[in-house]
Amino acid sequence: MKVLRTPEFESWLQRQTEKLIALVETRFFRISVYDYFGDVKSLRHGLSELRWKNGMRVYFTKAETRKIVILLGGLKNGQKSDIKEARRLAEKYSAY
């Protein structure tokens, strides 16, 4: 599975701690090598979220076969606005 990242996601990721960055990168490695997503929830209309027990969320959409586009990251307490922004980004990068 190929994991593509938007500039918006990269910007969010760089503001996180080294520990959180390592958690995200490990999850992406498992997705790309083993197709193992772990805890995932569908948010309808092609948008899904990767979930962590610490409340971190990473929003993504499936592009073509064997490709996902990582749109945005956030925390559980900001989920409502993050989902709205992720939907906007999904439209923006639909031809990714």
N, C-alpha and C. Protein backbone atom coordinates (compact mmCIF):
# COMPACT_ATOMS: atom_id res chain seq x y z
N MET A 1 0.86 -1.17 0.00
CA MET A 1 0.00 0.00 0.00
C MET A 1 0.90 1.24 0.00
N LYS A 2 0.60 2.16 -0.89
CA LYS A 2 1.36 3.41 -0.96
C LYS A 2 0.65 4.46 -0.11
N VAL A 3 1.43 5.12 0.75
CA VAL A 3 0.89 6.14 1.65
C VAL A 3 1.37 7.50 1.17
N LEU A 4 0.43 8.31 0.64
CA LEU A 4 0.73 9.66 0.18
C LEU A 4 0.32 10.65 1.26
N ARG A 5 1.07 11.73 1.40
CA ARG A 5 0.81 12.70 2.45
C ARG A 5 0.60 14.10 1.87
N THR A 6 -0.37 14.81 2.39
CA THR A 6 -0.60 16.18 1.95
C THR A 6 0.34 17.12 2.72
N PRO A 7 0.61 18.29 2.16
CA PRO A 7 1.41 19.29 2.88
C PRO A 7 0.76 19.70 4.21
N GLU A 8 -0.56 19.72 4.25
CA GLU A 8 -1.27 20.07 5.48
C GLU A 8 -0.99 19.05 6.58
N PHE A 9 -0.97 17.78 6.20
CA PHE A 9 -0.65 16.75 7.19
C PHE A 9 0.80 16.88 7.65
N GLU A 10 1.72 17.07 6.72
CA GLU A 10 3.13 17.20 7.07
C GLU A 10 3.35 18.37 8.02
N SER A 11 2.65 19.46 7.79
CA SER A 11 2.76 20.63 8.67
C SER A 11 2.28 20.28 10.08
N TRP A 12 1.16 19.58 10.18
CA TRP A 12 0.65 19.16 11.48
C TRP A 12 1.63 18.22 12.17
N LEU A 13 2.15 17.24 11.43
CA LEU A 13 3.05 16.24 12.00
C LEU A 13 4.31 16.87 12.58
N GLN A 14 4.86 17.87 11.89
CA GLN A 14 6.10 18.50 12.35
C GLN A 14 5.92 19.26 13.66
N ARG A 15 4.69 19.58 14.02
CA ARG A 15 4.43 20.28 15.28
C ARG A 15 4.25 19.33 16.46
N GLN A 16 4.32 18.03 16.21
CA GLN A 16 4.12 17.03 17.26
C GLN A 16 5.44 16.66 17.93
N THR A 17 5.34 15.98 19.06
CA THR A 17 6.53 15.51 19.77
C THR A 17 7.18 14.36 19.00
N GLU A 18 8.43 14.10 19.30
CA GLU A 18 9.13 12.99 18.65
C GLU A 18 8.42 11.67 18.90
N LYS A 19 7.90 11.49 20.10
CA LYS A 19 7.20 10.25 20.43
C LYS A 19 5.96 10.06 19.55
N LEU A 20 5.16 11.12 19.40
CA LEU A 20 3.96 11.02 18.56
C LEU A 20 4.32 10.81 17.09
N ILE A 21 5.37 11.48 16.65
CA ILE A 21 5.82 11.29 15.27
C ILE A 21 6.21 9.83 15.05
N ALA A 22 6.91 9.25 16.01
CA ALA A 22 7.31 7.84 15.90
C ALA A 22 6.10 6.92 15.85
N LEU A 23 5.06 7.21 16.65
CA LEU A 23 3.84 6.40 16.62
C LEU A 23 3.19 6.43 15.24
N VAL A 24 3.11 7.64 14.67
CA VAL A 24 2.48 7.80 13.35
C VAL A 24 3.31 7.10 12.28
N GLU A 25 4.61 7.31 12.29
CA GLU A 25 5.48 6.70 11.28
C GLU A 25 5.44 5.17 11.35
N THR A 26 5.38 4.64 12.56
CA THR A 26 5.29 3.18 12.73
C THR A 26 3.99 2.66 12.14
N ARG A 27 2.91 3.39 12.37
CA ARG A 27 1.61 2.98 11.83
C ARG A 27 1.64 3.01 10.31
N PHE A 28 2.23 4.05 9.72
CA PHE A 28 2.33 4.14 8.26
C PHE A 28 3.18 3.01 7.69
N PHE A 29 4.23 2.64 8.40
CA PHE A 29 5.07 1.52 7.97
C PHE A 29 4.25 0.24 7.92
N ARG A 30 3.45 -0.01 8.95
CA ARG A 30 2.62 -1.22 8.98
C ARG A 30 1.58 -1.21 7.86
N ILE A 31 1.06 -0.04 7.56
CA ILE A 31 0.09 0.06 6.46
C ILE A 31 0.78 -0.23 5.13
N SER A 32 1.93 0.40 4.90
CA SER A 32 2.59 0.27 3.60
C SER A 32 3.17 -1.13 3.37
N VAL A 33 3.66 -1.78 4.41
CA VAL A 33 4.30 -3.08 4.23
C VAL A 33 3.31 -4.24 4.40
N TYR A 34 2.47 -4.16 5.42
CA TYR A 34 1.59 -5.28 5.77
C TYR A 34 0.12 -5.06 5.46
N ASP A 35 -0.25 -3.88 4.97
CA ASP A 35 -1.67 -3.53 4.76
C ASP A 35 -2.45 -3.64 6.07
N TYR A 36 -1.79 -3.39 7.19
CA TYR A 36 -2.42 -3.47 8.50
C TYR A 36 -2.69 -2.05 9.00
N PHE A 37 -3.97 -1.71 9.11
CA PHE A 37 -4.36 -0.36 9.49
C PHE A 37 -4.55 -0.19 11.00
N GLY A 38 -4.83 -1.25 11.71
CA GLY A 38 -5.09 -1.13 13.15
C GLY A 38 -6.47 -0.56 13.39
N ASP A 39 -6.62 0.28 14.40
CA ASP A 39 -7.91 0.85 14.77
C ASP A 39 -8.30 1.94 13.78
N VAL A 40 -9.31 1.63 12.98
CA VAL A 40 -9.79 2.55 11.93
C VAL A 40 -11.29 2.69 12.05
N LYS A 41 -11.77 3.89 11.81
CA LYS A 41 -13.21 4.13 11.79
C LYS A 41 -13.57 4.85 10.50
N SER A 42 -14.61 4.36 9.83
CA SER A 42 -15.12 5.02 8.64
C SER A 42 -15.97 6.21 9.06
N LEU A 43 -15.76 7.33 8.38
CA LEU A 43 -16.53 8.55 8.66
C LEU A 43 -17.49 8.88 7.53
N ARG A 44 -17.74 7.91 6.67
CA ARG A 44 -18.65 8.03 5.52
C ARG A 44 -18.05 8.86 4.39
N HIS A 45 -18.59 8.65 3.23
CA HIS A 45 -18.22 9.38 2.01
C HIS A 45 -16.73 9.27 1.71
N GLY A 46 -16.15 8.10 1.98
CA GLY A 46 -14.75 7.85 1.63
C GLY A 46 -13.72 8.35 2.62
N LEU A 47 -14.14 9.01 3.67
CA LEU A 47 -13.21 9.52 4.68
C LEU A 47 -13.15 8.54 5.85
N SER A 48 -11.94 8.27 6.32
CA SER A 48 -11.73 7.39 7.47
C SER A 48 -10.71 8.01 8.40
N GLU A 49 -10.64 7.48 9.62
CA GLU A 49 -9.66 7.96 10.57
C GLU A 49 -8.91 6.80 11.19
N LEU A 50 -7.59 7.00 11.35
CA LEU A 50 -6.77 6.10 12.16
C LEU A 50 -6.87 6.63 13.58
N ARG A 51 -7.05 5.73 14.55
CA ARG A 51 -7.24 6.17 15.93
C ARG A 51 -6.17 5.58 16.84
N TRP A 52 -5.78 6.37 17.81
CA TRP A 52 -4.86 5.94 18.85
C TRP A 52 -5.54 6.11 20.20
N LYS A 53 -5.13 5.34 21.19
CA LYS A 53 -5.74 5.40 22.53
C LYS A 53 -5.50 6.74 23.22
N ASN A 54 -4.44 7.46 22.84
CA ASN A 54 -4.16 8.75 23.47
C ASN A 54 -5.03 9.88 22.90
N GLY A 55 -5.94 9.56 21.97
CA GLY A 55 -6.84 10.55 21.41
C GLY A 55 -6.39 11.13 20.08
N MET A 56 -5.22 10.74 19.62
CA MET A 56 -4.73 11.24 18.33
C MET A 56 -5.53 10.61 17.20
N ARG A 57 -5.78 11.42 16.17
CA ARG A 57 -6.51 10.96 14.99
C ARG A 57 -5.74 11.40 13.74
N VAL A 58 -5.74 10.54 12.72
CA VAL A 58 -5.18 10.88 11.42
C VAL A 58 -6.24 10.53 10.38
N TYR A 59 -6.63 11.52 9.59
CA TYR A 59 -7.72 11.37 8.62
C TYR A 59 -7.15 11.05 7.25
N PHE A 60 -7.80 10.11 6.56
CA PHE A 60 -7.31 9.69 5.24
C PHE A 60 -8.46 9.27 4.34
N THR A 61 -8.14 9.18 3.08
CA THR A 61 -9.08 8.68 2.08
C THR A 61 -8.33 7.72 1.18
N LYS A 62 -9.03 6.77 0.62
CA LYS A 62 -8.41 5.85 -0.32
C LYS A 62 -8.43 6.49 -1.69
N ALA A 63 -7.30 6.45 -2.37
CA ALA A 63 -7.21 7.06 -3.71
C ALA A 63 -7.51 5.97 -4.73
N GLU A 64 -6.49 5.46 -5.33
CA GLU A 64 -6.64 4.37 -6.29
C GLU A 64 -6.39 3.07 -5.56
N THR A 65 -6.37 1.98 -6.31
CA THR A 65 -6.04 0.71 -5.73
C THR A 65 -4.65 0.78 -5.11
N ARG A 66 -4.56 0.36 -3.86
CA ARG A 66 -3.30 0.28 -3.13
C ARG A 66 -2.67 1.64 -2.83
N LYS A 67 -3.52 2.70 -2.75
CA LYS A 67 -3.04 4.02 -2.37
C LYS A 67 -4.00 4.65 -1.38
N ILE A 68 -3.43 5.31 -0.35
CA ILE A 68 -4.24 6.14 0.52
C ILE A 68 -3.60 7.52 0.58
N VAL A 69 -4.43 8.52 0.82
CA VAL A 69 -3.95 9.90 0.94
C VAL A 69 -4.19 10.34 2.37
N ILE A 70 -3.11 10.63 3.08
CA ILE A 70 -3.20 11.12 4.46
C ILE A 70 -3.49 12.61 4.38
N LEU A 71 -4.62 13.03 4.93
CA LEU A 71 -5.10 14.39 4.77
C LEU A 71 -4.71 15.32 5.91
N LEU A 72 -4.91 14.87 7.14
CA LEU A 72 -4.79 15.77 8.28
C LEU A 72 -4.69 14.96 9.56
N GLY A 73 -4.11 15.55 10.58
CA GLY A 73 -4.05 14.93 11.88
C GLY A 73 -4.69 15.83 12.91
N GLY A 74 -5.01 15.26 14.05
CA GLY A 74 -5.59 16.06 15.12
C GLY A 74 -5.78 15.23 16.36
N LEU A 75 -6.47 15.82 17.33
CA LEU A 75 -6.77 15.15 18.59
C LEU A 75 -8.28 15.02 18.75
N LYS A 76 -8.68 14.09 19.59
CA LYS A 76 -10.10 13.81 19.81
C LYS A 76 -10.91 15.05 20.17
N ASN A 77 -10.34 15.94 20.99
CA ASN A 77 -11.10 17.11 21.43
C ASN A 77 -11.34 18.13 20.31
N GLY A 78 -10.63 18.05 19.20
CA GLY A 78 -10.86 18.96 18.07
C GLY A 78 -11.41 18.24 16.86
N GLN A 79 -11.98 17.08 17.11
CA GLN A 79 -12.39 16.18 16.03
C GLN A 79 -13.42 16.79 15.08
N LYS A 80 -14.39 17.52 15.61
CA LYS A 80 -15.46 18.05 14.75
C LYS A 80 -14.89 18.97 13.67
N SER A 81 -14.06 19.92 14.05
CA SER A 81 -13.48 20.84 13.06
C SER A 81 -12.44 20.13 12.18
N ASP A 82 -11.72 19.16 12.75
CA ASP A 82 -10.74 18.41 11.96
C ASP A 82 -11.42 17.60 10.85
N ILE A 83 -12.55 17.00 11.16
CA ILE A 83 -13.27 16.22 10.15
C ILE A 83 -13.76 17.13 9.04
N LYS A 84 -14.26 18.29 9.40
CA LYS A 84 -14.72 19.26 8.39
C LYS A 84 -13.56 19.66 7.47
N GLU A 85 -12.41 19.95 8.06
CA GLU A 85 -11.23 20.31 7.27
C GLU A 85 -10.74 19.13 6.42
N ALA A 86 -10.79 17.93 6.98
CA ALA A 86 -10.36 16.74 6.23
C ALA A 86 -11.26 16.52 5.01
N ARG A 87 -12.54 16.76 5.16
CA ARG A 87 -13.45 16.62 4.00
C ARG A 87 -13.11 17.64 2.91
N ARG A 88 -12.79 18.86 3.33
CA ARG A 88 -12.38 19.89 2.37
C ARG A 88 -11.10 19.47 1.65
N LEU A 89 -10.15 18.95 2.40
CA LEU A 89 -8.89 18.49 1.80
C LEU A 89 -9.09 17.29 0.88
N ALA A 90 -10.03 16.43 1.23
CA ALA A 90 -10.33 15.27 0.38
C ALA A 90 -10.78 15.74 -1.00
N GLU A 91 -11.60 16.78 -1.02
CA GLU A 91 -12.04 17.36 -2.31
C GLU A 91 -10.86 17.97 -3.04
N LYS A 92 -10.04 18.70 -2.33
CA LYS A 92 -8.90 19.37 -2.94
C LYS A 92 -7.92 18.37 -3.56
N TYR A 93 -7.70 17.25 -2.90
CA TYR A 93 -6.72 16.28 -3.38
C TYR A 93 -7.37 15.06 -4.03
N SER A 94 -8.59 15.19 -4.50
CA SER A 94 -9.28 14.03 -5.08
C SER A 94 -8.58 13.47 -6.32
N ALA A 95 -7.79 14.28 -7.00
CA ALA A 95 -7.07 13.79 -8.19
C ALA A 95 -5.64 13.36 -7.85
N TYR A 96 -5.32 13.28 -6.59
CA TYR A 96 -3.98 12.96 -6.10
C TYR A 96 -3.45 11.70 -6.72
